Amino acid sequence: MSYMQWREDNIPPQVVFEILSPSNTKKKMEEKFLFYQQYGVEEYYVYDPFSNRLQGWIRNQNTLDVIPRIADWVSPRLQVHFVLTGETLELYHPDGAAFTTISYRLEFRTSS
């Protein structure tokens, strides 16, 4: 799915979530960060499900500043609560109800 800013009265997405996969390169993620920073994204989150690591940035005028304590963070725009446990990332609606999930298994194979 693509966001076509020109079709949205040139309004950038307010919140962006990225879920990393093995194909994401550091360079590509840096390019995405700079793009979102340039085009006015308010909140940017990157989650690595393999290491259970969540990173986030929030807009401060013209830049995206890192969110230093994100393990128990509430999105200012969405009011979604992020809870980073030792094993998972849990998300809660503003009313405290947990987001429902669909369980699936990811398998990545390397060629030998």
PDB file of N, CA and C in Angstrom:
ATOM      1  N   MET A   1       0.839  -1.165   0.000  1.00  0.00           N
ATOM      2  CA  MET A   1       0.000   0.000   0.000  1.00  0.00           C
ATOM      3  C   MET A   1       0.892   1.239   0.000  1.00  0.00           C
ATOM      4  N   SER A   2       0.546   2.203  -0.790  1.00  0.00           N
ATOM      5  CA  SER A   2       1.321   3.432  -0.892  1.00  0.00           C
ATOM      6  C   SER A   2       0.472   4.621  -0.478  1.00  0.00           C
ATOM      7  N   TYR A   3       1.108   5.582   0.128  1.00  0.00           N
ATOM      8  CA  TYR A   3       0.452   6.832   0.484  1.00  0.00           C
ATOM      9  C   TYR A   3       0.796   7.842  -0.597  1.00  0.00           C
ATOM     10  N   MET A   4      -0.214   8.388  -1.237  1.00  0.00           N
ATOM     11  CA  MET A   4      -0.001   9.336  -2.321  1.00  0.00           C
ATOM     12  C   MET A   4      -0.347  10.736  -1.809  1.00  0.00           C
ATOM     13  N   GLN A   5       0.668  11.415  -1.317  1.00  0.00           N
ATOM     14  CA  GLN A   5       0.481  12.698  -0.647  1.00  0.00           C
ATOM     15  C   GLN A   5      -0.240  13.714  -1.530  1.00  0.00           C
ATOM     16  N   TRP A   6       0.028  13.702  -2.816  1.00  0.00           N
ATOM     17  CA  TRP A   6      -0.608  14.659  -3.717  1.00  0.00           C
ATOM     18  C   TRP A   6      -2.121  14.437  -3.816  1.00  0.00           C
ATOM     19  N   ARG A   7      -2.575  13.230  -3.466  1.00  0.00           N
ATOM     20  CA  ARG A   7      -4.016  12.947  -3.471  1.00  0.00           C
ATOM     21  C   ARG A   7      -4.664  13.275  -2.129  1.00  0.00           C
ATOM     22  N   GLU A   8      -3.885  13.670  -1.170  1.00  0.00           N
ATOM     23  CA  GLU A   8      -4.368  13.961   0.179  1.00  0.00           C
ATOM     24  C   GLU A   8      -4.176  15.436   0.518  1.00  0.00           C
ATOM     25  N   ASP A   9      -4.429  16.307  -0.462  1.00  0.00           N
ATOM     26  CA  ASP A   9      -4.251  17.759  -0.279  1.00  0.00           C
ATOM     27  C   ASP A   9      -2.850  18.112   0.186  1.00  0.00           C
ATOM     28  N   ASN A  10      -1.862  17.306  -0.239  1.00  0.00           N
ATOM     29  CA  ASN A  10      -0.452  17.486   0.093  1.00  0.00           C
ATOM     30  C   ASN A  10      -0.175  17.411   1.601  1.00  0.00           C
ATOM     31  N   ILE A  11      -1.041  16.703   2.329  1.00  0.00           N
ATOM     32  CA  ILE A  11      -0.843  16.500   3.765  1.00  0.00           C
ATOM     33  C   ILE A  11      -0.021  15.230   3.940  1.00  0.00           C
ATOM     34  N   PRO A  12       1.123  15.315   4.623  1.00  0.00           N
ATOM     35  CA  PRO A  12       1.940  14.109   4.822  1.00  0.00           C
ATOM     36  C   PRO A  12       1.265  13.172   5.816  1.00  0.00           C
ATOM     37  N   PRO A  13       1.652  11.897   5.800  1.00  0.00           N
ATOM     38  CA  PRO A  13       1.124  10.998   6.835  1.00  0.00           C
ATOM     39  C   PRO A  13       1.573  11.519   8.197  1.00  0.00           C
ATOM     40  N   GLN A  14       0.683  11.486   9.156  1.00  0.00           N
ATOM     41  CA  GLN A  14       1.048  11.991  10.483  1.00  0.00           C
ATOM     42  C   GLN A  14       1.893  10.986  11.261  1.00  0.00           C
ATOM     43  N   VAL A  15       1.573   9.701  11.118  1.00  0.00           N
ATOM     44  CA  VAL A  15       2.275   8.657  11.868  1.00  0.00           C
ATOM     45  C   VAL A  15       2.675   7.545  10.901  1.00  0.00           C
ATOM     46  N   VAL A  16       3.925   7.115  10.985  1.00  0.00           N
ATOM     47  CA  VAL A  16       4.438   6.044  10.131  1.00  0.00           C
ATOM     48  C   VAL A  16       5.002   4.935  11.010  1.00  0.00           C
ATOM     49  N   PHE A  17       4.610   3.687  10.678  1.00  0.00           N
ATOM     50  CA  PHE A  17       5.144   2.501  11.344  1.00  0.00           C
ATOM     51  C   PHE A  17       5.917   1.687  10.318  1.00  0.00           C
ATOM     52  N   GLU A  18       7.101   1.260  10.684  1.00  0.00           N
ATOM     53  CA  GLU A  18       7.906   0.372   9.838  1.00  0.00           C
ATOM     54  C   GLU A  18       8.169  -0.892  10.639  1.00  0.00           C
ATOM     55  N   ILE A  19       7.909  -2.038  10.035  1.00  0.00           N
ATOM     56  CA  ILE A  19       8.254  -3.322  10.632  1.00  0.00           C
ATOM     57  C   ILE A  19       9.412  -3.873   9.810  1.00  0.00           C
ATOM     58  N   LEU A  20      10.542  -4.067  10.459  1.00  0.00           N
ATOM     59  CA  LEU A  20      11.733  -4.497   9.736  1.00  0.00           C
ATOM     60  C   LEU A  20      11.634  -5.950   9.296  1.00  0.00           C
ATOM     61  N   SER A  21      12.275  -6.223   8.184  1.00  0.00           N
ATOM     62  CA  SER A  21      12.423  -7.580   7.670  1.00  0.00           C
ATOM     63  C   SER A  21      13.908  -7.758   7.338  1.00  0.00           C
ATOM     64  N   PRO A  22      14.340  -8.981   7.085  1.00  0.00           N
ATOM     65  CA  PRO A  22      15.759  -9.197   6.776  1.00  0.00           C
ATOM     66  C   PRO A  22      16.248  -8.415   5.556  1.00  0.00           C
ATOM     67  N   SER A  23      15.349  -8.007   4.679  1.00  0.00           N
ATOM     68  CA  SER A  23      15.787  -7.289   3.475  1.00  0.00           C
ATOM     69  C   SER A  23      16.017  -5.790   3.705  1.00  0.00           C
ATOM     70  N   ASN A  24      15.624  -5.274   4.859  1.00  0.00           N
ATOM     71  CA  ASN A  24      15.854  -3.855   5.131  1.00  0.00           C
ATOM     72  C   ASN A  24      17.336  -3.599   5.370  1.00  0.00           C
ATOM     73  N   THR A  25      17.891  -2.666   4.618  1.00  0.00           N
ATOM     74  CA  THR A  25      19.286  -2.302   4.826  1.00  0.00           C
ATOM     75  C   THR A  25      19.356  -1.032   5.670  1.00  0.00           C
ATOM     76  N   LYS A  26      20.468  -0.849   6.313  1.00  0.00           N
ATOM     77  CA  LYS A  26      20.670   0.361   7.116  1.00  0.00           C
ATOM     78  C   LYS A  26      20.547   1.605   6.232  1.00  0.00           C
ATOM     79  N   LYS A  27      21.126   1.546   5.053  1.00  0.00           N
ATOM     80  CA  LYS A  27      21.079   2.683   4.124  1.00  0.00           C
ATOM     81  C   LYS A  27      19.639   3.018   3.734  1.00  0.00           C
ATOM     82  N   LYS A  28      18.839   2.006   3.423  1.00  0.00           N
ATOM     83  CA  LYS A  28      17.452   2.227   3.026  1.00  0.00           C
ATOM     84  C   LYS A  28      16.648   2.834   4.180  1.00  0.00           C
ATOM     85  N   MET A  29      16.891   2.366   5.384  1.00  0.00           N
ATOM     86  CA  MET A  29      16.164   2.902   6.538  1.00  0.00           C
ATOM     87  C   MET A  29      16.589   4.349   6.825  1.00  0.00           C
ATOM     88  N   GLU A  30      17.855   4.662   6.613  1.00  0.00           N
ATOM     89  CA  GLU A  30      18.311   6.047   6.776  1.00  0.00           C
ATOM     90  C   GLU A  30      17.654   6.955   5.738  1.00  0.00           C
ATOM     91  N   GLU A  31      17.533   6.461   4.506  1.00  0.00           N
ATOM     92  CA  GLU A  31      16.866   7.235   3.446  1.00  0.00           C
ATOM     93  C   GLU A  31      15.407   7.487   3.798  1.00  0.00           C
ATOM     94  N   LYS A  32      14.726   6.469   4.307  1.00  0.00           N
ATOM     95  CA  LYS A  32      13.324   6.625   4.701  1.00  0.00           C
ATOM     96  C   LYS A  32      13.196   7.660   5.814  1.00  0.00           C
ATOM     97  N   PHE A  33      14.079   7.579   6.816  1.00  0.00           N
ATOM     98  CA  PHE A  33      14.039   8.533   7.919  1.00  0.00           C
ATOM     99  C   PHE A  33      14.173   9.967   7.390  1.00  0.00           C
ATOM    100  N   LEU A  34      15.142  10.192   6.528  1.00  0.00           N
ATOM    101  CA  LEU A  34      15.346  11.535   5.986  1.00  0.00           C
ATOM    102  C   LEU A  34      14.146  12.000   5.167  1.00  0.00           C
ATOM    103  N   PHE A  35      13.540  11.094   4.419  1.00  0.00           N
ATOM    104  CA  PHE A  35      12.344  11.422   3.645  1.00  0.00           C
ATOM    105  C   PHE A  35      11.210  11.840   4.574  1.00  0.00           C
ATOM    106  N   TYR A  36      10.945  11.046   5.602  1.00  0.00           N
ATOM    107  CA  TYR A  36       9.855  11.367   6.528  1.00  0.00           C
ATOM    108  C   TYR A  36      10.134  12.658   7.286  1.00  0.00           C
ATOM    109  N   GLN A  37      11.376  12.882   7.611  1.00  0.00           N
ATOM    110  CA  GLN A  37      11.736  14.128   8.292  1.00  0.00           C
ATOM    111  C   GLN A  37      11.484  15.320   7.376  1.00  0.00           C
ATOM    112  N   GLN A  38      11.902  15.206   6.123  1.00  0.00           N
ATOM    113  CA  GLN A  38      11.751  16.297   5.161  1.00  0.00           C
ATOM    114  C   GLN A  38      10.289  16.611   4.878  1.00  0.00           C
ATOM    115  N   TYR A  39       9.435  15.581   4.816  1.00  0.00           N
ATOM    116  CA  TYR A  39       8.053  15.784   4.402  1.00  0.00           C
ATOM    117  C   TYR A  39       7.048  15.910   5.540  1.00  0.00           C
ATOM    118  N   GLY A  40       7.519  16.126   6.756  1.00  0.00           N
ATOM    119  CA  GLY A  40       6.635  16.543   7.837  1.00  0.00           C
ATOM    120  C   GLY A  40       5.916  15.490   8.637  1.00  0.00           C
ATOM    121  N   VAL A  41       6.378  14.238   8.591  1.00  0.00           N
ATOM    122  CA  VAL A  41       5.759  13.207   9.426  1.00  0.00           C
ATOM    123  C   VAL A  41       5.904  13.609  10.888  1.00  0.00           C
ATOM    124  N   GLU A  42       4.834  13.454  11.659  1.00  0.00           N
ATOM    125  CA  GLU A  42       4.852  13.853  13.074  1.00  0.00           C
ATOM    126  C   GLU A  42       5.494  12.808  13.984  1.00  0.00           C
ATOM    127  N   GLU A  43       5.198  11.533  13.712  1.00  0.00           N
ATOM    128  CA  GLU A  43       5.731  10.448  14.527  1.00  0.00           C
ATOM    129  C   GLU A  43       6.194   9.339  13.595  1.00  0.00           C
ATOM    130  N   TYR A  44       7.352   8.769  13.910  1.00  0.00           N
ATOM    131  CA  TYR A  44       7.922   7.705  13.089  1.00  0.00           C
ATOM    132  C   TYR A  44       8.404   6.601  14.015  1.00  0.00           C
ATOM    133  N   TYR A  45       7.921   5.360  13.772  1.00  0.00           N
ATOM    134  CA  TYR A  45       8.271   4.225  14.610  1.00  0.00           C
ATOM    135  C   TYR A  45       8.849   3.108  13.750  1.00  0.00           C
ATOM    136  N   VAL A  46       9.898   2.465  14.260  1.00  0.00           N
ATOM    137  CA  VAL A  46      10.514   1.325  13.590  1.00  0.00           C
ATOM    138  C   VAL A  46      10.600   0.193  14.606  1.00  0.00           C
ATOM    139  N   TYR A  47      10.017  -0.943  14.224  1.00  0.00           N
ATOM    140  CA  TYR A  47      10.031  -2.108  15.112  1.00  0.00           C
ATOM    141  C   TYR A  47      10.761  -3.257  14.437  1.00  0.00           C
ATOM    142  N   ASP A  48      11.697  -3.847  15.166  1.00  0.00           N
ATOM    143  CA  ASP A  48      12.415  -5.033  14.704  1.00  0.00           C
ATOM    144  C   ASP A  48      11.875  -6.231  15.474  1.00  0.00           C
ATOM    145  N   PRO A  49      11.028  -7.055  14.837  1.00  0.00           N
ATOM    146  CA  PRO A  49      10.433  -8.179  15.555  1.00  0.00           C
ATOM    147  C   PRO A  49      11.432  -9.282  15.899  1.00  0.00           C
ATOM    148  N   PHE A  50      12.580  -9.283  15.257  1.00  0.00           N
ATOM    149  CA  PHE A  50      13.577 -10.321  15.509  1.00  0.00           C
ATOM    150  C   PHE A  50      14.354 -10.062  16.795  1.00  0.00           C
ATOM    151  N   SER A  51      14.568  -8.778  17.101  1.00  0.00           N
ATOM    152  CA  SER A  51      15.270  -8.428  18.334  1.00  0.00           C
ATOM    153  C   SER A  51      14.334  -7.797  19.362  1.00  0.00           C
ATOM    154  N   ASN A  52      13.050  -7.645  19.000  1.00  0.00           N
ATOM    155  CA  ASN A  52      12.054  -6.997  19.853  1.00  0.00           C
ATOM    156  C   ASN A  52      12.529  -5.601  20.258  1.00  0.00           C
ATOM    157  N   ARG A  53      12.989  -4.863  19.268  1.00  0.00           N
ATOM    158  CA  ARG A  53      13.504  -3.511  19.506  1.00  0.00           C
ATOM    159  C   ARG A  53      12.590  -2.503  18.821  1.00  0.00           C
ATOM    160  N   LEU A  54      12.146  -1.514  19.584  1.00  0.00           N
ATOM    161  CA  LEU A  54      11.306  -0.448  19.077  1.00  0.00           C
ATOM    162  C   LEU A  54      12.074   0.861  19.177  1.00  0.00           C
ATOM    163  N   GLN A  55      12.060   1.613  18.086  1.00  0.00           N
ATOM    164  CA  GLN A  55      12.650   2.947  18.069  1.00  0.00           C
ATOM    165  C   GLN A  55      11.569   3.917  17.629  1.00  0.00           C
ATOM    166  N   GLY A  56      11.653   5.134  18.100  1.00  0.00           N
ATOM    167  CA  GLY A  56      10.665   6.118  17.699  1.00  0.00           C
ATOM    168  C   GLY A  56      11.237   7.515  17.677  1.00  0.00           C
ATOM    169  N   TRP A  57      10.620   8.353  16.855  1.00  0.00           N
ATOM    170  CA  TRP A  57      11.000   9.748  16.715  1.00  0.00           C
ATOM    171  C   TRP A  57       9.723  10.585  16.680  1.00  0.00           C
ATOM    172  N   ILE A  58       9.814  11.788  17.198  1.00  0.00           N
ATOM    173  CA  ILE A  58       8.677  12.692  17.219  1.00  0.00           C
ATOM    174  C   ILE A  58       9.116  14.054  16.698  1.00  0.00           C
ATOM    175  N   ARG A  59       8.228  14.698  15.962  1.00  0.00           N
ATOM    176  CA  ARG A  59       8.558  15.973  15.330  1.00  0.00           C
ATOM    177  C   ARG A  59       8.722  17.062  16.375  1.00  0.00           C
ATOM    178  N   ASN A  60       9.804  17.818  16.186  1.00  0.00           N
ATOM    179  CA  ASN A  60      10.092  19.010  16.973  1.00  0.00           C
ATOM    180  C   ASN A  60      10.446  20.087  15.957  1.00  0.00           C
ATOM    181  N   GLN A  61       9.475  20.875  15.570  1.00  0.00           N
ATOM    182  CA  GLN A  61       9.597  21.876  14.511  1.00  0.00           C
ATOM    183  C   GLN A  61       9.988  21.204  13.193  1.00  0.00           C
ATOM    184  N   ASN A  62      11.218  21.365  12.738  1.00  0.00           N
ATOM    185  CA  ASN A  62      11.619  20.844  11.426  1.00  0.00           C
ATOM    186  C   ASN A  62      12.374  19.522  11.465  1.00  0.00           C
ATOM    187  N   THR A  63      12.516  18.923  12.635  1.00  0.00           N
ATOM    188  CA  THR A  63      13.279  17.673  12.723  1.00  0.00           C
ATOM    189  C   THR A  63      12.489  16.611  13.481  1.00  0.00           C
ATOM    190  N   LEU A  64      12.883  15.374  13.262  1.00  0.00           N
ATOM    191  CA  LEU A  64      12.362  14.264  14.050  1.00  0.00           C
ATOM    192  C   LEU A  64      13.383  13.969  15.141  1.00  0.00           C
ATOM    193  N   ASP A  65      12.967  14.119  16.378  1.00  0.00           N
ATOM    194  CA  ASP A  65      13.846  13.862  17.521  1.00  0.00           C
ATOM    195  C   ASP A  65      13.556  12.483  18.085  1.00  0.00           C
ATOM    196  N   VAL A  66      14.607  11.802  18.503  1.00  0.00           N
ATOM    197  CA  VAL A  66      14.468  10.463  19.059  1.00  0.00           C
ATOM    198  C   VAL A  66      13.630  10.510  20.335  1.00  0.00           C
ATOM    199  N   ILE A  67      12.829   9.478  20.525  1.00  0.00           N
ATOM    200  CA  ILE A  67      12.070   9.301  21.763  1.00  0.00           C
ATOM    201  C   ILE A  67      12.970   8.464  22.672  1.00  0.00           C
ATOM    202  N   PRO A  68      13.541   9.057  23.712  1.00  0.00           N
ATOM    203  CA  PRO A  68      14.540   8.327  24.495  1.00  0.00           C
ATOM    204  C   PRO A  68      13.977   7.186  25.345  1.00  0.00           C
ATOM    205  N   ARG A  69      12.768   7.315  25.849  1.00  0.00           N
ATOM    206  CA  ARG A  69      12.190   6.285  26.726  1.00  0.00           C
ATOM    207  C   ARG A  69      10.899   5.779  26.082  1.00  0.00           C
ATOM    208  N   ILE A  70      11.028   4.831  25.199  1.00  0.00           N
ATOM    209  CA  ILE A  70       9.887   4.392  24.396  1.00  0.00           C
ATOM    210  C   ILE A  70       9.227   3.108  24.906  1.00  0.00           C
ATOM    211  N   ALA A  71       9.801   2.449  25.897  1.00  0.00           N
ATOM    212  CA  ALA A  71       9.287   1.156  26.357  1.00  0.00           C
ATOM    213  C   ALA A  71       7.850   1.237  26.887  1.00  0.00           C
ATOM    214  N   ASP A  72       7.417   2.393  27.327  1.00  0.00           N
ATOM    215  CA  ASP A  72       6.068   2.582  27.873  1.00  0.00           C
ATOM    216  C   ASP A  72       5.523   3.900  27.345  1.00  0.00           C
ATOM    217  N   TRP A  73       5.476   4.029  26.028  1.00  0.00           N
ATOM    218  CA  TRP A  73       5.197   5.287  25.342  1.00  0.00           C
ATOM    219  C   TRP A  73       3.739   5.379  24.912  1.00  0.00           C
ATOM    220  N   VAL A  74       3.192   6.601  24.925  1.00  0.00           N
ATOM    221  CA  VAL A  74       1.865   6.852  24.380  1.00  0.00           C
ATOM    222  C   VAL A  74       2.021   7.835  23.227  1.00  0.00           C
ATOM    223  N   SER A  75       1.520   7.439  22.052  1.00  0.00           N
ATOM    224  CA  SER A  75       1.588   8.293  20.870  1.00  0.00           C
ATOM    225  C   SER A  75       0.764   9.553  21.093  1.00  0.00           C
ATOM    226  N   PRO A  76       1.371  10.723  20.951  1.00  0.00           N
ATOM    227  CA  PRO A  76       0.603  11.966  21.121  1.00  0.00           C
ATOM    228  C   PRO A  76      -0.542  12.098  20.106  1.00  0.00           C
ATOM    229  N   ARG A  77      -0.329  11.670  18.879  1.00  0.00           N
ATOM    230  CA  ARG A  77      -1.342  11.801  17.831  1.00  0.00           C
ATOM    231  C   ARG A  77      -2.442  10.755  17.968  1.00  0.00           C
ATOM    232  N   LEU A  78      -2.069   9.496  18.149  1.00  0.00           N
ATOM    233  CA  LEU A  78      -3.033   8.395  18.148  1.00  0.00           C
ATOM    234  C   LEU A  78      -3.531   7.994  19.528  1.00  0.00           C
ATOM    235  N   GLN A  79      -2.796   8.387  20.558  1.00  0.00           N
ATOM    236  CA  GLN A  79      -3.075   7.973  21.938  1.00  0.00           C
ATOM    237  C   GLN A  79      -2.977   6.459  22.118  1.00  0.00           C
ATOM    238  N   VAL A  80      -2.214   5.807  21.237  1.00  0.00           N
ATOM    239  CA  VAL A  80      -1.956   4.371  21.340  1.00  0.00           C
ATOM    240  C   VAL A  80      -0.798   4.186  22.315  1.00  0.00           C
ATOM    241  N   HIS A  81      -0.943   3.211  23.207  1.00  0.00           N
ATOM    242  CA  HIS A  81       0.060   2.929  24.229  1.00  0.00           C
ATOM    243  C   HIS A  81       0.932   1.766  23.755  1.00  0.00           C
ATOM    244  N   PHE A  82       2.239   1.989  23.702  1.00  0.00           N
ATOM    245  CA  PHE A  82       3.210   0.962  23.319  1.00  0.00           C
ATOM    246  C   PHE A  82       3.813   0.380  24.588  1.00  0.00           C
ATOM    247  N   VAL A  83       3.747  -0.925  24.743  1.00  0.00           N
ATOM    248  CA  VAL A  83       4.361  -1.584  25.887  1.00  0.00           C
ATOM    249  C   VAL A  83       5.361  -2.593  25.353  1.00  0.00           C
ATOM    250  N   LEU A  84       6.612  -2.355  25.622  1.00  0.00           N
ATOM    251  CA  LEU A  84       7.677  -3.241  25.164  1.00  0.00           C
ATOM    252  C   LEU A  84       8.047  -4.162  26.316  1.00  0.00           C
ATOM    253  N   THR A  85       7.694  -5.442  26.179  1.00  0.00           N
ATOM    254  CA  THR A  85       8.036  -6.423  27.207  1.00  0.00           C
ATOM    255  C   THR A  85       9.369  -7.046  26.817  1.00  0.00           C
ATOM    256  N   GLY A  86       9.820  -7.992  27.576  1.00  0.00           N
ATOM    257  CA  GLY A  86      11.063  -8.663  27.241  1.00  0.00           C
ATOM    258  C   GLY A  86      10.983  -9.478  25.968  1.00  0.00           C
ATOM    259  N   GLU A  87       9.763  -9.849  25.557  1.00  0.00           N
ATOM    260  CA  GLU A  87       9.615 -10.728  24.402  1.00  0.00           C
ATOM    261  C   GLU A  87       8.757 -10.158  23.281  1.00  0.00           C
ATOM    262  N   THR A  88       7.891  -9.206  23.571  1.00  0.00           N
ATOM    263  CA  THR A  88       6.954  -8.725  22.554  1.00  0.00           C
ATOM    264  C   THR A  88       6.741  -7.221  22.654  1.00  0.00           C
ATOM    265  N   LEU A  89       6.116  -6.716  21.611  1.00  0.00           N
ATOM    266  CA  LEU A  89       5.611  -5.349  21.614  1.00  0.00           C
ATOM    267  C   LEU A  89       4.101  -5.455  21.690  1.00  0.00           C
ATOM    268  N   GLU A  90       3.514  -4.831  22.696  1.00  0.00           N
ATOM    269  CA  GLU A  90       2.065  -4.848  22.858  1.00  0.00           C
ATOM    270  C   GLU A  90       1.542  -3.442  22.629  1.00  0.00           C
ATOM    271  N   LEU A  91       0.385  -3.358  21.970  1.00  0.00           N
ATOM    272  CA  LEU A  91      -0.242  -2.073  21.693  1.00  0.00           C
ATOM    273  C   LEU A  91      -1.622  -2.038  22.316  1.00  0.00           C
ATOM    274  N   TYR A  92      -1.970  -0.885  22.891  1.00  0.00           N
ATOM    275  CA  TYR A  92      -3.254  -0.716  23.551  1.00  0.00           C
ATOM    276  C   TYR A  92      -3.956   0.521  23.017  1.00  0.00           C
ATOM    277  N   HIS A  93      -5.249   0.372  22.789  1.00  0.00           N
ATOM    278  CA  HIS A  93      -6.092   1.488  22.364  1.00  0.00           C
ATOM    279  C   HIS A  93      -6.143   2.547  23.466  1.00  0.00           C
ATOM    280  N   PRO A  94      -6.578   3.759  23.134  1.00  0.00           N
ATOM    281  CA  PRO A  94      -6.700   4.801  24.161  1.00  0.00           C
ATOM    282  C   PRO A  94      -7.574   4.396  25.358  1.00  0.00           C
ATOM    283  N   ASP A  95      -8.558   3.512  25.139  1.00  0.00           N
ATOM    284  CA  ASP A  95      -9.415   3.067  26.241  1.00  0.00           C
ATOM    285  C   ASP A  95      -8.782   1.949  27.065  1.00  0.00           C
ATOM    286  N   GLY A  96      -7.551   1.534  26.720  1.00  0.00           N
ATOM    287  CA  GLY A  96      -6.843   0.500  27.469  1.00  0.00           C
ATOM    288  C   GLY A  96      -7.024  -0.906  26.926  1.00  0.00           C
ATOM    289  N   ALA A  97      -7.910  -1.086  25.951  1.00  0.00           N
ATOM    290  CA  ALA A  97      -8.106  -2.408  25.353  1.00  0.00           C
ATOM    291  C   ALA A  97      -6.917  -2.766  24.472  1.00  0.00           C
ATOM    292  N   ALA A  98      -6.489  -4.003  24.582  1.00  0.00           N
ATOM    293  CA  ALA A  98      -5.357  -4.468  23.782  1.00  0.00           C
ATOM    294  C   ALA A  98      -5.759  -4.578  22.315  1.00  0.00           C
ATOM    295  N   PHE A  99      -4.820  -4.264  21.432  1.00  0.00           N
ATOM    296  CA  PHE A  99      -5.028  -4.524  20.015  1.00  0.00           C
ATOM    297  C   PHE A  99      -5.091  -6.040  19.852  1.00  0.00           C
ATOM    298  N   THR A 100      -5.981  -6.511  19.018  1.00  0.00           N
ATOM    299  CA  THR A 100      -6.035  -7.948  18.763  1.00  0.00           C
ATOM    300  C   THR A 100      -4.961  -8.283  17.741  1.00  0.00           C
ATOM    301  N   THR A 101      -4.478  -9.494  17.804  1.00  0.00           N
ATOM    302  CA  THR A 101      -3.405  -9.904  16.907  1.00  0.00           C
ATOM    303  C   THR A 101      -3.783 -11.195  16.199  1.00  0.00           C
ATOM    304  N   ILE A 102      -3.131 -11.416  15.107  1.00  0.00           N
ATOM    305  CA  ILE A 102      -3.223 -12.673  14.381  1.00  0.00           C
ATOM    306  C   ILE A 102      -1.860 -13.326  14.490  1.00  0.00           C
ATOM    307  N   SER A 103      -1.831 -14.520  14.973  1.00  0.00           N
ATOM    308  CA  SER A 103      -0.553 -15.222  15.117  1.00  0.00           C
ATOM    309  C   SER A 103      -0.118 -15.775  13.773  1.00  0.00           C
ATOM    310  N   TYR A 104       1.122 -15.629  13.483  1.00  0.00           N
ATOM    311  CA  TYR A 104       1.683 -16.221  12.285  1.00  0.00           C
ATOM    312  C   TYR A 104       3.146 -16.510  12.539  1.00  0.00           C
ATOM    313  N   ARG A 105       3.693 -17.358  11.735  1.00  0.00           N
ATOM    314  CA  ARG A 105       5.079 -17.768  11.896  1.00  0.00           C
ATOM    315  C   ARG A 105       5.868 -17.278  10.699  1.00  0.00           C
ATOM    316  N   LEU A 106       6.977 -16.660  10.964  1.00  0.00           N
ATOM    317  CA  LEU A 106       7.861 -16.204   9.895  1.00  0.00           C
ATOM    318  C   LEU A 106       9.021 -17.176   9.769  1.00  0.00           C
ATOM    319  N   GLU A 107       9.299 -17.573   8.566  1.00  0.00           N
ATOM    320  CA  GLU A 107      10.459 -18.431   8.322  1.00  0.00           C
ATOM    321  C   GLU A 107      11.306 -17.784   7.247  1.00  0.00           C
ATOM    322  N   PHE A 108      12.562 -17.634   7.554  1.00  0.00           N
ATOM    323  CA  PHE A 108      13.506 -17.092   6.591  1.00  0.00           C
ATOM    324  C   PHE A 108      14.602 -18.126   6.389  1.00  0.00           C
ATOM    325  N   ARG A 109      14.814 -18.467   5.161  1.00  0.00           N
ATOM    326  CA  ARG A 109      15.830 -19.465   4.848  1.00  0.00           C
ATOM    327  C   ARG A 109      16.943 -18.820   4.056  1.00  0.00           C
ATOM    328  N   THR A 110      18.128 -19.231   4.344  1.00  0.00           N
ATOM    329  CA  THR A 110      19.276 -18.768   3.564  1.00  0.00           C
ATOM    330  C   THR A 110      19.688 -19.883   2.627  1.00  0.00           C
ATOM    331  N   SER A 111      20.147 -19.499   1.468  1.00  0.00           N
ATOM    332  CA  SER A 111      20.597 -20.539   0.539  1.00  0.00           C
ATOM    333  C   SER A 111      21.945 -21.073   0.992  1.00  0.00           C
ATOM    334  N   SER A 112      22.134 -22.368   0.800  1.00  0.00           N
ATOM    335  CA  SER A 112      23.398 -22.966   1.251  1.00  0.00           C
ATOM    336  C   SER A 112      24.351 -23.198   0.111  1.00  0.00           C
TER     337      SER A 112
END
